[in-house]
Protein backbone atom coordinates (compact mmCIF):
# COMPACT_ATOMS: atom_id res chain seq x y z
CA MET A 1 -100.10 -73.27 -111.03
CA GLU A 2 -97.61 -73.88 -113.84
CA LEU A 3 -98.51 -76.74 -116.19
CA ASP A 4 -95.81 -78.37 -118.32
CA PHE A 5 -97.24 -78.74 -121.84
CA GLU A 6 -95.22 -81.84 -122.80
CA HIS A 7 -95.98 -83.61 -119.53
CA CYS A 8 -99.70 -82.87 -119.86
CA TYR A 9 -99.85 -83.82 -123.54
CA ARG A 10 -98.20 -87.19 -122.87
CA ALA A 11 -100.79 -87.87 -120.17
CA VAL A 12 -103.59 -87.04 -122.62
CA ASP A 13 -102.06 -89.14 -125.40
CA SER A 14 -101.84 -92.15 -123.05
CA ARG A 15 -105.33 -91.49 -121.59
CA ASP A 16 -103.84 -91.90 -118.13
CA ARG A 17 -106.64 -91.82 -115.53
CA ARG A 18 -104.18 -90.96 -112.78
CA PHE A 19 -104.09 -87.37 -114.06
CA ASP A 20 -107.86 -86.85 -113.97
CA GLY A 21 -108.45 -83.91 -111.65
CA TRP A 22 -104.89 -82.59 -111.91
CA PHE A 23 -105.75 -80.52 -115.00
CA VAL A 24 -108.24 -80.32 -117.86
CA THR A 25 -107.58 -80.34 -121.61
CA ALA A 26 -109.28 -77.65 -123.71
CA VAL A 27 -109.53 -78.15 -127.48
CA THR A 28 -109.78 -74.96 -129.52
CA SER A 29 -111.15 -76.70 -132.63
CA THR A 30 -114.20 -78.05 -130.76
CA GLY A 31 -114.59 -75.53 -127.93
CA ILE A 32 -114.80 -78.26 -125.28
CA TYR A 33 -112.62 -79.30 -122.35
CA CYS A 34 -112.03 -82.88 -121.21
CA ARG A 35 -110.38 -85.09 -118.64
CA PRO A 36 -106.87 -86.29 -119.55
CA SER A 37 -108.33 -89.79 -119.89
CA CYS A 38 -111.11 -88.85 -122.34
CA PRO A 39 -111.53 -91.70 -124.88
CA ALA A 40 -111.89 -89.26 -127.80
CA ILE A 41 -109.16 -89.03 -130.44
CA THR A 42 -106.10 -87.23 -129.11
CA PRO A 43 -106.30 -83.62 -130.37
CA LYS A 44 -103.50 -82.06 -132.36
CA ARG A 45 -100.94 -80.17 -130.32
CA ARG A 46 -101.73 -76.84 -131.96
CA ASN A 47 -105.37 -77.14 -130.86
CA VAL A 48 -104.70 -77.88 -127.19
CA ARG A 49 -104.65 -75.70 -124.10
CA PHE A 50 -104.24 -76.95 -120.56
CA TYR A 51 -105.98 -75.41 -117.55
CA PRO A 52 -105.47 -76.15 -113.83
CA SER A 53 -109.22 -76.29 -113.15
CA ALA A 54 -112.59 -76.69 -114.86
CA ALA A 55 -113.47 -73.17 -113.72
CA ALA A 56 -110.44 -71.78 -115.56
CA ALA A 57 -111.44 -73.61 -118.76
CA GLN A 58 -115.00 -72.29 -118.46
CA ARG A 59 -113.59 -68.81 -117.93
CA GLY A 60 -111.63 -69.32 -121.16
CA GLY A 61 -114.87 -69.95 -123.06
CA PHE A 62 -114.83 -73.77 -123.22
CA ARG A 63 -117.73 -76.08 -122.38
CA ALA A 64 -117.58 -79.46 -120.64
CA CYS A 65 -117.30 -82.66 -122.68
CA ARG A 66 -120.53 -84.65 -122.29
CA ARG A 67 -118.69 -87.89 -123.04
CA CYS A 68 -115.98 -87.92 -120.34
CA ARG A 69 -117.72 -85.60 -117.84
CA PRO A 70 -114.62 -83.71 -116.60
CA ASP A 71 -116.69 -82.08 -113.86
CA ALA A 72 -117.21 -85.52 -112.27
CA ALA A 73 -113.49 -86.40 -112.13
CA PRO A 74 -111.82 -86.89 -108.74
CA GLY A 75 -110.54 -83.66 -107.26
CA SER A 76 -106.90 -82.69 -107.34
CA PRO A 77 -105.00 -84.42 -104.53
CA GLU A 78 -103.00 -81.23 -104.17
CA TRP A 79 -106.00 -79.18 -103.01
CA ASP A 80 -107.17 -82.06 -100.85
CA SER A 81 -103.90 -82.34 -98.91
CA ARG A 82 -102.28 -78.90 -98.96
CA ALA A 83 -102.29 -76.95 -95.69
CA ASP A 84 -101.87 -73.49 -97.25
CA VAL A 85 -104.59 -70.91 -97.83
CA VAL A 86 -105.38 -72.08 -101.37
CA GLY A 87 -105.82 -75.68 -100.24
CA ARG A 88 -108.02 -74.61 -97.33
CA ALA A 89 -110.06 -72.36 -99.62
CA MET A 90 -110.66 -75.15 -102.13
CA ARG A 91 -111.90 -77.49 -99.43
CA LEU A 92 -114.28 -74.84 -98.09
CA ILE A 93 -115.57 -74.04 -101.59
CA GLY A 94 -116.14 -77.76 -102.10
CA ASP A 95 -118.20 -77.81 -98.91
CA GLY A 96 -120.45 -75.05 -100.27
CA VAL A 97 -119.25 -72.14 -98.13
CA VAL A 98 -119.41 -69.61 -101.00
CA ASP A 99 -123.01 -70.59 -101.78
CA ARG A 100 -124.03 -70.17 -98.14
CA GLU A 101 -121.86 -67.25 -96.99
CA GLY A 102 -120.57 -65.64 -100.17
CA VAL A 103 -116.97 -64.69 -100.88
CA PRO A 104 -116.87 -62.40 -97.80
CA GLY A 105 -117.68 -65.41 -95.62
CA LEU A 106 -114.98 -67.51 -97.27
CA ALA A 107 -112.38 -64.75 -96.92
CA GLY A 108 -113.37 -64.17 -93.30
CA ARG A 109 -112.92 -67.85 -92.43
CA LEU A 110 -109.45 -67.79 -93.93
CA GLY A 111 -108.42 -64.45 -92.45
CA TYR A 112 -107.67 -62.69 -95.75
CA THR A 113 -109.24 -59.85 -97.70
CA GLN A 114 -111.46 -60.78 -100.63
CA ARG A 115 -109.07 -59.13 -103.07
CA HIS A 116 -106.01 -60.98 -101.79
CA LEU A 117 -107.87 -64.31 -101.75
CA HIS A 118 -109.00 -63.73 -105.36
CA ARG A 119 -105.41 -63.04 -106.42
CA MET A 120 -104.09 -66.20 -104.76
CA LEU A 121 -106.76 -68.48 -106.24
CA THR A 122 -106.44 -66.98 -109.71
CA ALA A 123 -102.66 -67.40 -109.65
CA GLU A 124 -102.95 -71.08 -108.69
CA LEU A 125 -106.16 -72.18 -110.41
CA GLY A 126 -106.80 -69.65 -113.15
CA ALA A 127 -110.10 -68.58 -111.56
CA GLY A 128 -111.34 -66.73 -108.50
CA PRO A 129 -113.66 -68.02 -105.76
CA LEU A 130 -116.88 -67.02 -107.53
CA ALA A 131 -115.88 -68.84 -110.73
CA LEU A 132 -114.78 -71.92 -108.79
CA ALA A 133 -118.06 -72.00 -106.87
CA ARG A 134 -119.98 -71.48 -110.12
CA ALA A 135 -118.31 -74.54 -111.66
CA GLN A 136 -119.35 -76.63 -108.67
CA ARG A 137 -122.87 -75.20 -108.81
CA ALA A 138 -123.16 -76.25 -112.45
CA GLN A 139 -122.09 -79.79 -111.62
CA THR A 140 -124.62 -79.99 -108.77
CA ALA A 141 -127.35 -78.75 -111.11
CA ARG A 142 -126.42 -81.33 -113.77
CA VAL A 143 -126.68 -84.16 -111.23
CA LEU A 144 -130.11 -82.96 -110.11
CA VAL A 145 -131.36 -82.48 -113.68
CA GLU A 146 -130.29 -85.98 -114.69
CA SER A 147 -131.20 -87.80 -111.47
CA THR A 148 -134.50 -86.33 -110.24
CA ASP A 149 -137.99 -85.40 -111.40
CA LEU A 150 -137.74 -81.97 -109.78
CA GLY A 151 -138.84 -78.99 -111.81
CA LEU A 152 -136.01 -77.01 -113.34
CA ALA A 153 -136.86 -73.91 -111.31
CA GLU A 154 -136.66 -75.93 -108.09
CA ILE A 155 -133.31 -77.38 -109.18
CA ALA A 156 -131.97 -73.90 -109.92
CA PHE A 157 -132.40 -72.76 -106.33
CA ALA A 158 -131.43 -76.13 -104.81
CA ALA A 159 -128.10 -75.96 -106.68
CA GLY A 160 -127.41 -72.48 -105.32
CA PHE A 161 -128.29 -70.24 -108.27
CA GLY A 162 -129.81 -66.84 -107.56
CA SER A 163 -132.32 -67.05 -110.41
CA VAL A 164 -133.69 -69.43 -113.03
CA ARG A 165 -132.16 -67.27 -115.76
CA GLN A 166 -128.71 -67.56 -114.16
CA PHE A 167 -129.20 -71.33 -113.94
CA ASN A 168 -130.20 -71.62 -117.62
CA ASP A 169 -127.39 -69.38 -118.84
CA THR A 170 -124.73 -71.17 -116.78
CA LEU A 171 -125.72 -74.68 -117.89
CA ARG A 172 -125.84 -73.59 -121.53
CA GLU A 173 -122.40 -72.05 -121.18
CA VAL A 174 -120.83 -74.97 -119.29
CA TYR A 175 -122.45 -77.91 -121.12
CA GLY A 176 -123.38 -76.34 -124.45
CA VAL A 177 -127.07 -77.29 -124.18
CA ALA A 178 -130.17 -76.15 -122.33
CA PRO A 179 -131.09 -77.92 -119.06
CA SER A 180 -134.09 -79.52 -120.78
CA VAL A 181 -131.73 -81.28 -123.21
CA LEU A 182 -129.64 -82.67 -120.34
CA ARG A 183 -132.85 -84.07 -118.87
CA THR A 184 -133.69 -86.12 -121.99
CA ALA A 185 -130.74 -88.45 -121.32
CA ARG A 186 -131.26 -88.75 -117.58
CA ARG A 187 -131.21 -91.90 -115.53
CA PRO A 188 -134.49 -93.18 -114.01
CA ALA A 189 -135.33 -91.02 -111.00
CA ALA A 190 -135.04 -92.53 -107.53
CA GLU A 191 -137.45 -91.97 -104.66
CA PRO A 192 -138.08 -88.31 -103.82
CA GLY A 193 -135.16 -86.91 -101.84
CA THR A 194 -132.93 -89.87 -102.76
CA LEU A 195 -130.03 -89.55 -105.18
CA THR A 196 -127.64 -92.22 -106.42
CA LEU A 197 -124.41 -91.09 -108.05
CA ARG A 198 -120.91 -92.31 -108.80
CA LEU A 199 -117.91 -90.98 -106.89
CA ALA A 200 -114.76 -91.27 -109.00
CA TYR A 201 -111.33 -92.06 -107.57
CA ARG A 202 -107.78 -92.68 -108.73
CA PRO A 203 -107.03 -96.40 -108.67
CA PRO A 204 -106.04 -98.50 -106.91
CA LEU A 205 -108.48 -98.41 -103.99
CA HIS A 206 -108.23 -100.99 -101.22
CA ALA A 207 -111.95 -100.92 -100.46
CA ALA A 208 -111.82 -103.86 -98.05
CA ALA A 209 -109.33 -102.07 -95.80
CA LEU A 210 -111.51 -98.95 -95.72
CA LEU A 211 -114.63 -100.90 -94.83
CA GLU A 212 -112.82 -102.92 -92.16
CA PHE A 213 -111.56 -99.75 -90.51
CA LEU A 214 -114.98 -98.10 -90.54
CA ALA A 215 -116.83 -101.24 -89.42
CA SER A 216 -114.57 -101.80 -86.41
CA ARG A 217 -115.17 -98.21 -85.23
CA ALA A 218 -118.84 -97.77 -86.19
CA ILE A 219 -120.81 -95.88 -83.53
CA PRO A 220 -124.16 -97.60 -82.80
CA GLY A 221 -127.07 -95.49 -83.99
CA VAL A 222 -124.87 -93.32 -86.22
CA GLU A 223 -123.20 -95.66 -88.69
CA SER A 224 -122.86 -99.28 -89.77
CA ALA A 225 -120.59 -101.15 -92.15
CA ASP A 226 -119.92 -104.64 -93.45
CA ALA A 227 -117.85 -106.21 -96.22
CA THR A 228 -120.03 -104.69 -98.94
CA GLY A 229 -120.64 -101.10 -97.89
CA TYR A 230 -121.03 -98.38 -95.31
CA THR A 231 -124.03 -96.34 -94.13
CA ARG A 232 -124.14 -93.36 -91.81
CA MET A 233 -126.13 -90.31 -90.79
CA LEU A 234 -124.86 -86.83 -91.66
CA ARG A 235 -125.46 -83.40 -90.18
CA LEU A 236 -125.42 -80.91 -93.06
CA PRO A 237 -125.93 -77.13 -93.29
CA HIS A 238 -129.66 -77.39 -94.08
CA GLY A 239 -130.64 -80.60 -92.29
CA THR A 240 -129.78 -84.25 -91.74
CA ALA A 241 -129.10 -86.92 -94.34
CA ALA A 242 -128.28 -90.59 -94.71
CA ALA A 243 -125.46 -91.80 -96.95
CA THR A 244 -124.79 -95.33 -98.16
CA LEU A 245 -121.42 -95.89 -99.86
CA ILE A 246 -120.75 -99.09 -101.82
CA PRO A 247 -117.39 -99.57 -103.59
CA ARG A 248 -117.79 -100.75 -107.19
CA ASP A 249 -115.33 -101.42 -109.99
CA GLY A 250 -113.82 -98.01 -110.73
CA TYR A 251 -116.14 -95.89 -108.58
CA VAL A 252 -118.00 -95.71 -105.28
CA GLU A 253 -121.78 -95.80 -105.53
CA ALA A 254 -123.26 -93.17 -103.21
CA THR A 255 -126.94 -93.20 -102.31
CA LEU A 256 -127.92 -90.01 -100.49
CA GLN A 257 -131.21 -89.35 -98.73
CA LEU A 258 -131.29 -85.59 -98.24
CA ALA A 259 -133.73 -83.55 -96.22
CA ASP A 260 -132.80 -80.53 -98.37
CA LEU A 261 -131.33 -80.81 -101.88
CA ARG A 262 -129.20 -77.71 -101.26
CA ASP A 263 -127.01 -80.07 -99.23
CA LEU A 264 -125.99 -82.22 -102.20
CA ALA A 265 -122.58 -80.58 -102.74
CA PRO A 266 -121.49 -80.67 -99.07
CA ALA A 267 -122.79 -84.24 -98.71
CA VAL A 268 -120.71 -85.39 -101.69
CA ALA A 269 -117.64 -83.48 -100.48
CA ARG A 270 -117.85 -85.07 -97.02
CA CYS A 271 -118.34 -88.58 -98.38
CA ARG A 272 -115.33 -88.13 -100.65
CA ARG A 273 -113.24 -86.92 -97.72
CA LEU A 274 -114.37 -89.79 -95.51
CA LEU A 275 -113.11 -92.36 -98.02
CA ASP A 276 -110.06 -90.28 -99.07
CA LEU A 277 -111.16 -90.54 -102.70
CA ASP A 278 -109.11 -87.59 -103.95
CA ALA A 279 -105.81 -89.14 -102.88
CA ASP A 280 -103.11 -90.06 -105.39
CA PRO A 281 -102.17 -93.62 -104.31
CA GLU A 282 -99.39 -93.94 -106.89
CA ALA A 283 -97.56 -90.93 -105.44
CA VAL A 284 -97.99 -92.28 -101.91
CA ASN A 285 -96.84 -95.77 -102.88
CA GLU A 286 -93.78 -94.47 -104.69
CA THR A 287 -92.52 -92.75 -101.54
CA LEU A 288 -93.34 -95.55 -99.10
CA ARG A 289 -92.05 -98.28 -101.40
CA ALA A 290 -88.62 -96.62 -101.39
CA ASP A 291 -88.17 -97.92 -97.83
CA PRO A 292 -87.32 -101.65 -98.09
CA VAL A 293 -89.17 -102.25 -94.82
CA LEU A 294 -92.48 -100.89 -96.12
CA ALA A 295 -92.12 -102.08 -99.73
CA PRO A 296 -93.62 -105.55 -99.08
CA LEU A 297 -96.62 -103.97 -97.32
CA VAL A 298 -97.20 -101.58 -100.22
CA ASP A 299 -96.93 -104.34 -102.81
CA ALA A 300 -99.27 -106.62 -100.85
CA GLU A 301 -101.98 -103.99 -100.39
CA PRO A 302 -101.81 -101.13 -102.90
CA GLY A 303 -104.42 -98.42 -102.60
CA ILE A 304 -104.57 -98.06 -98.81
CA ARG A 305 -106.39 -94.82 -97.91
CA VAL A 306 -106.58 -92.80 -94.70
CA PRO A 307 -110.23 -92.80 -93.54
CA ARG A 308 -111.06 -89.19 -92.84
CA ALA A 309 -114.14 -87.52 -91.36
CA VAL A 310 -117.56 -86.13 -92.15
CA ASP A 311 -117.55 -84.32 -88.78
CA GLY A 312 -114.31 -83.06 -87.26
CA PHE A 313 -115.81 -82.73 -83.78
CA GLU A 314 -116.92 -86.36 -83.86
CA VAL A 315 -113.36 -87.48 -84.69
CA ALA A 316 -111.94 -85.33 -81.89
CA VAL A 317 -114.32 -86.91 -79.37
CA ARG A 318 -113.39 -90.35 -80.72
CA ALA A 319 -109.72 -89.54 -80.15
CA VAL A 320 -110.27 -88.43 -76.54
CA VAL A 321 -112.54 -91.36 -75.70
CA GLY A 322 -110.12 -93.79 -77.35
CA GLN A 323 -107.26 -92.88 -75.03
CA GLN A 324 -106.13 -96.04 -73.25
CA VAL A 325 -109.24 -98.09 -74.15
CA SER A 326 -109.88 -100.70 -76.83
CA VAL A 327 -111.57 -99.84 -80.12
CA ALA A 328 -114.61 -101.90 -79.08
CA GLY A 329 -114.73 -100.16 -75.70
CA ALA A 330 -114.60 -96.74 -77.34
CA ARG A 331 -117.52 -97.69 -79.60
CA ARG A 332 -119.68 -98.53 -76.59
CA VAL A 333 -118.82 -95.29 -74.81
CA LEU A 334 -119.46 -93.17 -77.91
CA GLY A 335 -122.79 -94.91 -78.46
CA ARG A 336 -123.94 -93.64 -75.05
CA LEU A 337 -123.65 -90.07 -76.34
CA VAL A 338 -126.07 -90.69 -79.23
CA PRO A 339 -129.78 -89.93 -78.63
CA PRO A 340 -132.18 -92.90 -78.45
CA GLY A 341 -133.27 -93.86 -81.95
CA GLY A 342 -129.98 -92.81 -83.49
CA GLY A 343 -129.11 -90.00 -85.88
CA PRO A 344 -126.04 -87.90 -86.62
CA PHE A 345 -123.42 -87.70 -83.89
CA PRO A 346 -124.50 -84.91 -81.49
CA ASP A 347 -123.01 -81.49 -82.12
CA ALA A 348 -120.61 -79.73 -79.78
CA ALA A 349 -123.25 -77.57 -78.07
CA THR A 350 -125.33 -80.67 -77.27
CA VAL A 351 -122.38 -82.66 -75.89
CA ALA A 352 -121.28 -79.73 -73.73
CA GLU A 353 -124.67 -79.78 -71.97
CA LEU A 354 -125.03 -83.55 -71.47
CA PRO A 355 -125.47 -84.73 -67.87
CA ASP A 356 -122.69 -86.65 -66.12
CA GLU A 357 -124.47 -89.99 -66.49
CA ALA A 358 -124.26 -89.75 -70.30
CA PHE A 359 -120.46 -90.02 -70.10
CA ALA A 360 -119.49 -93.64 -69.45
CA MET A 361 -115.87 -92.70 -68.79
CA PRO A 362 -113.57 -91.48 -66.00
CA ALA A 363 -114.30 -87.98 -64.68
CA ALA A 364 -111.05 -86.54 -66.04
CA ARG A 365 -111.84 -87.75 -69.56
CA ARG A 366 -115.41 -86.48 -69.26
CA ASP A 367 -114.07 -83.05 -68.34
CA THR A 368 -111.78 -83.13 -71.39
CA VAL A 369 -114.68 -83.98 -73.72
CA ARG A 370 -116.77 -81.20 -72.20
CA ALA A 371 -113.95 -78.66 -72.53
CA LEU A 372 -113.43 -79.73 -76.15
CA ALA A 373 -117.15 -79.41 -76.88
CA ALA A 374 -117.38 -76.00 -75.22
CA SER A 375 -114.42 -74.71 -77.22
CA VAL A 376 -115.90 -75.90 -80.53
CA ALA A 377 -119.40 -74.65 -79.66
CA ALA A 378 -118.00 -71.20 -78.82
CA GLY A 379 -116.13 -71.03 -82.13
CA ASP A 380 -112.75 -70.88 -80.41
CA LEU A 381 -111.69 -74.18 -82.00
CA VAL A 382 -112.43 -75.00 -85.66
CA LEU A 383 -112.23 -78.65 -86.72
CA ASN A 384 -113.39 -78.51 -90.31
CA GLU A 385 -111.70 -78.86 -93.69
CA GLY A 386 -110.71 -75.19 -93.83
CA ALA A 387 -108.97 -75.03 -90.45
CA ASP A 388 -105.35 -73.99 -90.11
CA ARG A 389 -103.67 -77.29 -89.21
CA ALA A 390 -100.74 -76.02 -87.16
CA GLY A 391 -102.88 -73.56 -85.22
CA THR A 392 -105.57 -76.15 -84.57
CA GLU A 393 -103.11 -78.73 -83.24
CA ALA A 394 -101.64 -76.12 -80.90
CA ALA A 395 -105.13 -75.13 -79.70
CA LEU A 396 -106.05 -78.76 -79.06
CA THR A 397 -103.04 -79.39 -76.85
CA ARG A 398 -103.99 -76.40 -74.68
CA ILE A 399 -107.10 -78.31 -73.56
CA PRO A 400 -106.31 -80.31 -70.39
CA GLY A 401 -106.24 -84.02 -71.21
CA ILE A 402 -105.28 -83.63 -74.88
CA GLY A 403 -101.69 -84.42 -75.77
CA ALA A 404 -99.64 -84.91 -78.90
CA TRP A 405 -101.17 -88.30 -79.81
CA THR A 406 -104.75 -87.03 -79.65
CA ALA A 407 -103.92 -83.84 -81.55
CA GLY A 408 -102.07 -85.85 -84.20
CA TYR A 409 -104.97 -88.28 -84.64
CA VAL A 410 -107.36 -85.35 -85.08
CA ALA A 411 -105.01 -83.71 -87.59
CA MET A 412 -104.77 -86.94 -89.58
CA ARG A 413 -108.48 -87.72 -89.78
CA ALA A 414 -110.43 -84.50 -89.13
CA LEU A 415 -108.08 -82.00 -90.78
CA GLY A 416 -106.85 -84.32 -93.55
CA ASP A 417 -103.13 -83.88 -92.87
CA PRO A 418 -101.36 -86.56 -94.98
CA ASP A 419 -98.09 -86.27 -93.06
CA VAL A 420 -98.93 -87.14 -89.45
CA PHE A 421 -96.88 -89.72 -87.57
CA LEU A 422 -97.80 -91.18 -84.17
CA PRO A 423 -94.52 -92.49 -82.71
CA THR A 424 -96.00 -93.04 -79.23
CA ASP A 425 -98.95 -95.11 -80.50
CA LEU A 426 -98.70 -98.59 -79.00
CA ALA A 427 -100.00 -100.39 -82.10
CA VAL A 428 -97.57 -98.46 -84.31
CA ARG A 429 -94.63 -99.35 -82.05
CA ARG A 430 -95.58 -103.03 -81.90
CA ALA A 431 -95.88 -103.19 -85.68
CA ALA A 432 -92.53 -101.45 -86.00
CA GLY A 433 -90.94 -104.07 -83.78
CA ARG A 434 -92.33 -106.92 -85.88
CA LEU A 435 -90.86 -105.28 -88.98
CA GLY A 436 -87.45 -104.77 -87.42
CA LEU A 437 -87.84 -101.00 -87.06
CA PRO A 438 -86.88 -99.00 -83.94
CA THR A 439 -89.49 -99.16 -81.20
CA THR A 440 -88.58 -96.17 -79.05
CA PRO A 441 -90.65 -93.10 -80.02
CA ALA A 442 -87.65 -90.89 -80.77
CA ALA A 443 -85.82 -93.44 -82.93
CA LEU A 444 -89.01 -94.50 -84.72
CA ASP A 445 -89.94 -90.88 -85.41
CA ASP A 446 -86.48 -90.31 -86.86
CA HIS A 447 -86.81 -93.33 -89.18
CA ALA A 448 -90.27 -92.15 -90.29
CA ARG A 449 -88.84 -88.95 -91.75
CA ARG A 450 -88.07 -90.89 -94.94
CA TRP A 451 -91.83 -91.45 -95.38
CA ARG A 452 -92.61 -87.75 -95.73
CA PRO A 453 -94.93 -86.27 -96.93
CA TRP A 454 -97.15 -89.36 -96.58
CA ARG A 455 -96.56 -90.49 -92.99
CA SER A 456 -100.30 -90.73 -92.27
CA TYR A 457 -100.49 -93.52 -94.87
CA ALA A 458 -97.53 -95.23 -93.22
CA VAL A 459 -99.44 -95.17 -89.91
CA LEU A 460 -102.40 -96.93 -91.56
CA ARG A 461 -100.08 -99.58 -93.01
CA LEU A 462 -98.43 -100.17 -89.65
CA TRP A 463 -101.83 -100.51 -87.99
CA ARG A 464 -102.77 -103.16 -90.57
CA SER A 465 -99.50 -105.11 -90.47
């Protein structure tokens, strides 16, 4: 990825938080790298280098600033929204795939050779998949060192390192100090298995809108929300977890109760995706505000996000069940699928084997849910952050009972596509009519072209208007 020196330097000189996560600033005179918004004195031009990722800066021999914590900055919105191989790879790395399956597993999921994948990532991010995963591993280790009473050896393996020596060497290289020094400045430890951390985002964030959306759709036994926060159960690679997310001034407080600390990185990644915390609201607002019809909505409620998913299969089932029923009705039906006592939403294999009486819905819709579950359980349909969006939408519509609206809803929330429009959605069409926009699907879809590449955000605004 090409970085314009003047553009980056101006962002650093102004300490503009909007650029945190887009790039990092390395200072040759100190040997550290920082966020663009670091409060330290602006370095001289001749001492500055810009890198597209923390991993690239680490590869260049720089260590992380302990003042601005560049490793805790929000992720680049580009990698969060892009549908190409690099974007998909970054989302899978963020979910811990390299730690669990290695680079061969990552390459296999994406359908490329390891060598070609390494070339693509290095060209865009200045580092290959191993270096990118190593940077994430170091951040996970730092959080565990500073937030728990676990022994350092236990933390090393929980963070994904192959040995204690590798853990020690990496943290010294990335942070410039031994793990024991990081521990001296730690926060008071929480209960065993419980971690509380801050999830950064680019302001503004309309937290009330997020919580309203999640509360109105909360599945009994799986999740709950009110005006102050949101709690839900998660199914993670090594066990279940509970997450409580409370928006604060400038960050979201996340309290995670993990059955296995190896799941910290995927838990954080999924919570960030759920709340769309890596979005760039200023870029979205600039495009939508250019339409005089949407400008008043944007000005009235800046920072609207698209609530995403912690479980793509769950969102797909929501979309099927929500066909032609109210939001409240869909909640009741979905709650019937959850085991007594609650927990994470059941996985695809479990739903595929449920008896007829568990499905409080018409037979045709039940058959669609079962076919969807069977396809996901067999591995024929992938609904996670690394899925190919176009191919997944096409595969969804081949399932009887799933049309363009359902596939689009899944693409918007489960696959994170920022440019989905739902011209046949009744609520969208009614809102369009109130705003003086066309109400026929074809004409409305044509008007919505001016909202690209952020039409998913336009849908959320129309739903709220």
